[in-house]
Amino acid sequence: MNYTEKRPWGSFENLLEEKFCKVKMITIAPGQAPSYQYHFKRSEVWVVVQGNGEFKQDDILRNVKYGDILIVPTKSKHQLKNTGEEDLIFIEIQHGKYFGEDDIVRVEDNYGRI
């Protein structure tokens, strides 16, 4: 079930999809960021595997780098911005009761998707 989807900020590749979890590799281009968002039906664990960035969670900012592990509970607003000069890549592990892209509630978006 591996497939890659392009986005205005970069891309994601689905690595695994089961009833109990979904795993993606997400690539964010330099200077870009997916929307500031939250989910009702899933929580996520992210592992940064390349690059540097800024993690915004519930309006609190912190810098992140290779090796950092980020916990995103259900309904927690979250965003990762690439602040480096190379792609920022992280592995996202979703767990919960539903993993569809329509469980994204966008709070802020640079690409007009609200």
N, C-alpha and C. Protein backbone atom coordinates (compact mmCIF):
# COMPACT_ATOMS: atom_id res chain seq x y z
N MET A 1 0.81 -1.19 0.00
CA MET A 1 0.00 0.00 0.00
C MET A 1 0.86 1.27 0.00
N ASN A 2 2.16 1.14 -0.24
CA ASN A 2 3.01 2.33 -0.28
C ASN A 2 2.63 3.19 -1.48
N TYR A 3 2.38 4.46 -1.21
CA TYR A 3 2.20 5.41 -2.29
C TYR A 3 2.56 6.79 -1.75
N THR A 4 2.94 7.67 -2.65
CA THR A 4 3.36 9.02 -2.28
C THR A 4 2.36 10.03 -2.81
N GLU A 5 2.04 11.02 -1.97
CA GLU A 5 1.18 12.13 -2.39
C GLU A 5 1.94 13.43 -2.25
N LYS A 6 1.92 14.22 -3.30
CA LYS A 6 2.53 15.55 -3.28
C LYS A 6 1.59 16.53 -2.60
N ARG A 7 2.17 17.49 -1.90
CA ARG A 7 1.44 18.57 -1.26
C ARG A 7 2.18 19.87 -1.56
N PRO A 8 1.55 21.03 -1.35
CA PRO A 8 2.25 22.28 -1.65
C PRO A 8 3.48 22.50 -0.78
N TRP A 9 3.54 21.86 0.37
CA TRP A 9 4.65 22.00 1.32
C TRP A 9 5.70 20.91 1.19
N GLY A 10 5.40 19.85 0.42
CA GLY A 10 6.32 18.72 0.28
C GLY A 10 5.58 17.49 -0.16
N SER A 11 5.69 16.38 0.63
CA SER A 11 5.02 15.14 0.25
C SER A 11 4.92 14.21 1.46
N PHE A 12 4.07 13.18 1.31
CA PHE A 12 4.08 12.10 2.29
C PHE A 12 3.96 10.77 1.58
N GLU A 13 4.55 9.75 2.18
CA GLU A 13 4.49 8.39 1.65
C GLU A 13 3.86 7.50 2.72
N ASN A 14 2.81 6.79 2.37
CA ASN A 14 2.22 5.81 3.28
C ASN A 14 3.11 4.57 3.30
N LEU A 15 3.59 4.20 4.47
CA LEU A 15 4.46 3.04 4.62
C LEU A 15 3.70 1.81 5.11
N LEU A 16 2.67 2.04 5.94
CA LEU A 16 1.91 0.94 6.52
C LEU A 16 0.52 1.44 6.87
N GLU A 17 -0.49 0.62 6.59
CA GLU A 17 -1.85 0.97 7.00
C GLU A 17 -2.56 -0.29 7.47
N GLU A 18 -2.89 -0.31 8.75
CA GLU A 18 -3.59 -1.43 9.38
C GLU A 18 -4.83 -0.88 10.08
N LYS A 19 -5.66 -1.75 10.64
CA LYS A 19 -6.83 -1.30 11.39
C LYS A 19 -6.44 -0.52 12.63
N PHE A 20 -5.27 -0.84 13.21
CA PHE A 20 -4.85 -0.28 14.48
C PHE A 20 -3.83 0.85 14.38
N CYS A 21 -3.26 1.09 13.19
CA CYS A 21 -2.28 2.18 13.05
C CYS A 21 -2.03 2.48 11.57
N LYS A 22 -1.42 3.64 11.34
CA LYS A 22 -0.97 4.04 10.01
C LYS A 22 0.39 4.70 10.19
N VAL A 23 1.32 4.41 9.28
CA VAL A 23 2.67 4.97 9.37
C VAL A 23 3.00 5.67 8.06
N LYS A 24 3.47 6.92 8.19
CA LYS A 24 3.84 7.72 7.02
C LYS A 24 5.26 8.25 7.17
N MET A 25 5.92 8.47 6.04
CA MET A 25 7.15 9.26 6.00
C MET A 25 6.76 10.59 5.38
N ILE A 26 6.98 11.67 6.12
CA ILE A 26 6.56 13.00 5.67
C ILE A 26 7.79 13.84 5.40
N THR A 27 7.83 14.48 4.24
CA THR A 27 8.94 15.33 3.83
C THR A 27 8.42 16.75 3.66
N ILE A 28 9.04 17.69 4.39
CA ILE A 28 8.68 19.11 4.31
C ILE A 28 9.84 19.86 3.65
N ALA A 29 9.56 20.58 2.58
CA ALA A 29 10.58 21.34 1.85
C ALA A 29 11.07 22.51 2.70
N PRO A 30 12.29 22.98 2.44
CA PRO A 30 12.83 24.13 3.20
C PRO A 30 11.88 25.33 3.15
N GLY A 31 11.65 25.93 4.33
CA GLY A 31 10.80 27.10 4.45
C GLY A 31 9.31 26.84 4.42
N GLN A 32 8.90 25.58 4.31
CA GLN A 32 7.49 25.23 4.19
C GLN A 32 6.95 24.61 5.47
N ALA A 33 5.61 24.51 5.55
CA ALA A 33 4.95 23.89 6.70
C ALA A 33 3.55 23.43 6.31
N PRO A 34 3.17 22.22 6.71
CA PRO A 34 1.76 21.83 6.57
C PRO A 34 0.89 22.73 7.44
N SER A 35 -0.40 22.58 7.36
CA SER A 35 -1.31 23.43 8.14
C SER A 35 -1.15 23.18 9.64
N TYR A 36 -1.54 24.18 10.41
CA TYR A 36 -1.68 24.05 11.87
C TYR A 36 -3.03 23.39 12.06
N GLN A 37 -3.07 22.19 12.65
CA GLN A 37 -4.26 21.36 12.59
C GLN A 37 -4.41 20.51 13.84
N TYR A 38 -5.55 19.82 13.91
CA TYR A 38 -5.76 18.81 14.95
C TYR A 38 -6.68 17.73 14.41
N HIS A 39 -6.81 16.65 15.19
CA HIS A 39 -7.62 15.51 14.79
C HIS A 39 -8.54 15.09 15.94
N PHE A 40 -9.72 14.60 15.61
CA PHE A 40 -10.66 14.09 16.61
C PHE A 40 -10.50 12.60 16.88
N LYS A 41 -10.01 11.85 15.88
CA LYS A 41 -10.07 10.39 15.97
C LYS A 41 -8.72 9.70 16.05
N ARG A 42 -7.64 10.46 16.11
CA ARG A 42 -6.32 9.82 16.19
C ARG A 42 -5.33 10.69 16.95
N SER A 43 -4.34 10.03 17.48
CA SER A 43 -3.17 10.73 18.03
C SER A 43 -1.97 10.28 17.21
N GLU A 44 -0.84 10.96 17.40
CA GLU A 44 0.33 10.69 16.56
C GLU A 44 1.61 10.75 17.38
N VAL A 45 2.61 9.99 16.93
CA VAL A 45 3.96 10.08 17.44
C VAL A 45 4.84 10.35 16.23
N TRP A 46 5.69 11.37 16.35
CA TRP A 46 6.57 11.74 15.23
C TRP A 46 8.02 11.53 15.65
N VAL A 47 8.84 11.02 14.74
CA VAL A 47 10.28 10.88 14.95
C VAL A 47 10.98 11.62 13.82
N VAL A 48 11.74 12.65 14.18
CA VAL A 48 12.47 13.44 13.18
C VAL A 48 13.70 12.63 12.75
N VAL A 49 13.81 12.34 11.44
CA VAL A 49 14.91 11.52 10.94
C VAL A 49 15.87 12.30 10.04
N GLN A 50 15.52 13.54 9.70
CA GLN A 50 16.44 14.39 8.93
C GLN A 50 16.00 15.84 9.08
N GLY A 51 16.98 16.72 9.23
CA GLY A 51 16.71 18.14 9.18
C GLY A 51 16.41 18.79 10.53
N ASN A 52 16.03 20.07 10.44
CA ASN A 52 15.72 20.89 11.61
C ASN A 52 14.41 21.61 11.36
N GLY A 53 13.73 21.95 12.44
CA GLY A 53 12.48 22.65 12.26
C GLY A 53 11.99 23.31 13.53
N GLU A 54 10.77 23.82 13.41
CA GLU A 54 10.09 24.45 14.54
C GLU A 54 8.75 23.74 14.72
N PHE A 55 8.54 23.19 15.90
CA PHE A 55 7.33 22.46 16.24
C PHE A 55 6.42 23.38 17.04
N LYS A 56 5.20 23.56 16.52
CA LYS A 56 4.18 24.36 17.21
C LYS A 56 3.11 23.41 17.69
N GLN A 57 2.88 23.42 19.01
CA GLN A 57 1.87 22.56 19.59
C GLN A 57 1.06 23.37 20.60
N ASP A 58 -0.23 23.49 20.33
CA ASP A 58 -1.12 24.26 21.20
C ASP A 58 -0.53 25.65 21.50
N ASP A 59 -0.05 26.29 20.42
CA ASP A 59 0.48 27.66 20.44
C ASP A 59 1.82 27.82 21.17
N ILE A 60 2.50 26.72 21.49
CA ILE A 60 3.83 26.77 22.09
C ILE A 60 4.84 26.31 21.04
N LEU A 61 5.92 27.08 20.86
CA LEU A 61 6.94 26.77 19.86
C LEU A 61 8.17 26.16 20.52
N ARG A 62 8.77 25.20 19.80
CA ARG A 62 10.07 24.67 20.21
C ARG A 62 10.84 24.21 19.00
N ASN A 63 12.14 24.31 19.05
CA ASN A 63 12.99 23.86 17.96
C ASN A 63 13.16 22.35 18.04
N VAL A 64 13.22 21.70 16.88
CA VAL A 64 13.42 20.26 16.82
C VAL A 64 14.53 19.94 15.83
N LYS A 65 15.11 18.75 16.01
CA LYS A 65 16.21 18.30 15.16
C LYS A 65 16.18 16.79 15.03
N TYR A 66 17.09 16.27 14.24
CA TYR A 66 17.24 14.83 14.05
C TYR A 66 17.22 14.09 15.39
N GLY A 67 16.41 13.05 15.47
CA GLY A 67 16.36 12.22 16.67
C GLY A 67 15.28 12.60 17.66
N ASP A 68 14.68 13.78 17.51
CA ASP A 68 13.63 14.19 18.45
C ASP A 68 12.36 13.38 18.22
N ILE A 69 11.67 13.09 19.32
CA ILE A 69 10.41 12.36 19.29
C ILE A 69 9.33 13.30 19.81
N LEU A 70 8.26 13.46 19.05
CA LEU A 70 7.19 14.40 19.38
C LEU A 70 5.88 13.63 19.57
N ILE A 71 5.18 13.94 20.63
CA ILE A 71 3.91 13.28 20.95
C ILE A 71 2.77 14.27 20.66
N VAL A 72 1.80 13.84 19.86
CA VAL A 72 0.67 14.69 19.47
C VAL A 72 -0.63 13.99 19.90
N PRO A 73 -1.17 14.35 21.07
CA PRO A 73 -2.42 13.72 21.51
C PRO A 73 -3.61 14.13 20.64
N THR A 74 -4.68 13.35 20.70
CA THR A 74 -5.92 13.69 20.03
C THR A 74 -6.35 15.10 20.44
N LYS A 75 -6.82 15.88 19.49
CA LYS A 75 -7.32 17.26 19.65
C LYS A 75 -6.23 18.28 19.99
N SER A 76 -4.97 17.89 20.01
CA SER A 76 -3.87 18.84 20.22
C SER A 76 -3.52 19.49 18.89
N LYS A 77 -3.53 20.82 18.83
CA LYS A 77 -3.16 21.52 17.61
C LYS A 77 -1.65 21.34 17.39
N HIS A 78 -1.26 21.13 16.13
CA HIS A 78 0.15 20.84 15.86
C HIS A 78 0.55 21.25 14.44
N GLN A 79 1.84 21.57 14.32
CA GLN A 79 2.43 21.94 13.02
C GLN A 79 3.93 21.80 13.13
N LEU A 80 4.56 21.36 12.06
CA LEU A 80 6.02 21.30 11.99
C LEU A 80 6.46 22.10 10.78
N LYS A 81 7.32 23.08 11.01
CA LYS A 81 7.84 23.94 9.94
C LYS A 81 9.31 23.62 9.72
N ASN A 82 9.70 23.55 8.44
CA ASN A 82 11.11 23.33 8.11
C ASN A 82 11.84 24.67 8.15
N THR A 83 12.76 24.82 9.09
CA THR A 83 13.54 26.05 9.21
C THR A 83 14.96 25.88 8.68
N GLY A 84 15.26 24.71 8.14
CA GLY A 84 16.60 24.43 7.64
C GLY A 84 16.72 24.62 6.14
N GLU A 85 17.88 24.20 5.62
CA GLU A 85 18.17 24.34 4.19
C GLU A 85 18.02 23.03 3.43
N GLU A 86 17.77 21.93 4.15
CA GLU A 86 17.52 20.63 3.51
C GLU A 86 16.11 20.19 3.88
N ASP A 87 15.62 19.17 3.20
CA ASP A 87 14.30 18.63 3.54
C ASP A 87 14.25 18.22 5.00
N LEU A 88 13.13 18.47 5.64
CA LEU A 88 12.86 17.97 6.98
C LEU A 88 12.00 16.72 6.80
N ILE A 89 12.47 15.60 7.32
CA ILE A 89 11.77 14.32 7.17
C ILE A 89 11.46 13.75 8.55
N PHE A 90 10.21 13.31 8.72
CA PHE A 90 9.86 12.62 9.96
C PHE A 90 8.95 11.45 9.67
N ILE A 91 8.99 10.48 10.58
CA ILE A 91 8.12 9.32 10.51
C ILE A 91 6.94 9.61 11.44
N GLU A 92 5.72 9.46 10.93
CA GLU A 92 4.51 9.71 11.69
C GLU A 92 3.81 8.38 11.92
N ILE A 93 3.56 8.07 13.20
CA ILE A 93 2.82 6.88 13.57
C ILE A 93 1.48 7.33 14.11
N GLN A 94 0.41 6.99 13.42
CA GLN A 94 -0.94 7.36 13.84
C GLN A 94 -1.57 6.18 14.56
N HIS A 95 -2.25 6.46 15.67
CA HIS A 95 -3.01 5.42 16.34
C HIS A 95 -4.32 6.02 16.83
N GLY A 96 -5.35 5.20 16.83
CA GLY A 96 -6.68 5.66 17.19
C GLY A 96 -7.73 4.80 16.51
N LYS A 97 -8.87 5.41 16.19
CA LYS A 97 -9.95 4.62 15.60
C LYS A 97 -10.21 4.94 14.13
N TYR A 98 -9.52 5.96 13.57
CA TYR A 98 -9.75 6.32 12.17
C TYR A 98 -8.56 7.12 11.67
N PHE A 99 -8.11 6.83 10.43
CA PHE A 99 -6.88 7.45 9.92
C PHE A 99 -7.07 8.20 8.61
N GLY A 100 -8.30 8.51 8.24
CA GLY A 100 -8.57 9.19 6.98
C GLY A 100 -8.10 10.63 6.97
N GLU A 101 -7.78 11.12 5.78
CA GLU A 101 -7.34 12.52 5.62
C GLU A 101 -8.45 13.51 5.96
N ASP A 102 -9.70 13.05 5.99
CA ASP A 102 -10.81 13.95 6.32
C ASP A 102 -10.96 14.17 7.83
N ASP A 103 -10.07 13.58 8.65
CA ASP A 103 -10.04 13.86 10.08
C ASP A 103 -8.99 14.93 10.38
N ILE A 104 -8.85 15.87 9.48
CA ILE A 104 -7.94 17.01 9.67
C ILE A 104 -8.80 18.26 9.82
N VAL A 105 -8.64 18.94 10.95
CA VAL A 105 -9.29 20.23 11.17
C VAL A 105 -8.19 21.28 11.10
N ARG A 106 -8.21 22.09 10.04
CA ARG A 106 -7.16 23.10 9.85
C ARG A 106 -7.52 24.37 10.61
N VAL A 107 -6.57 24.87 11.39
CA VAL A 107 -6.72 26.10 12.15
C VAL A 107 -6.08 27.26 11.39
N GLU A 108 -4.90 27.00 10.81
CA GLU A 108 -4.18 27.97 9.97
C GLU A 108 -3.60 27.20 8.78
N ASP A 109 -3.55 27.86 7.62
CA ASP A 109 -3.00 27.20 6.45
C ASP A 109 -2.48 28.25 5.47
N ASN A 110 -1.26 28.05 4.99
CA ASN A 110 -0.64 28.97 4.04
C ASN A 110 -1.06 28.73 2.59
N TYR A 111 -1.89 27.72 2.37
CA TYR A 111 -2.20 27.31 1.01
C TYR A 111 -3.69 27.37 0.69
N GLY A 112 -4.47 28.11 1.48
CA GLY A 112 -5.88 28.34 1.20
C GLY A 112 -6.78 27.14 1.34
N ARG A 113 -6.44 26.21 2.26
CA ARG A 113 -7.23 24.97 2.41
C ARG A 113 -8.15 25.00 3.62
N ILE A 114 -8.43 26.15 4.15
CA ILE A 114 -9.36 26.21 5.31
C ILE A 114 -10.77 26.44 4.80
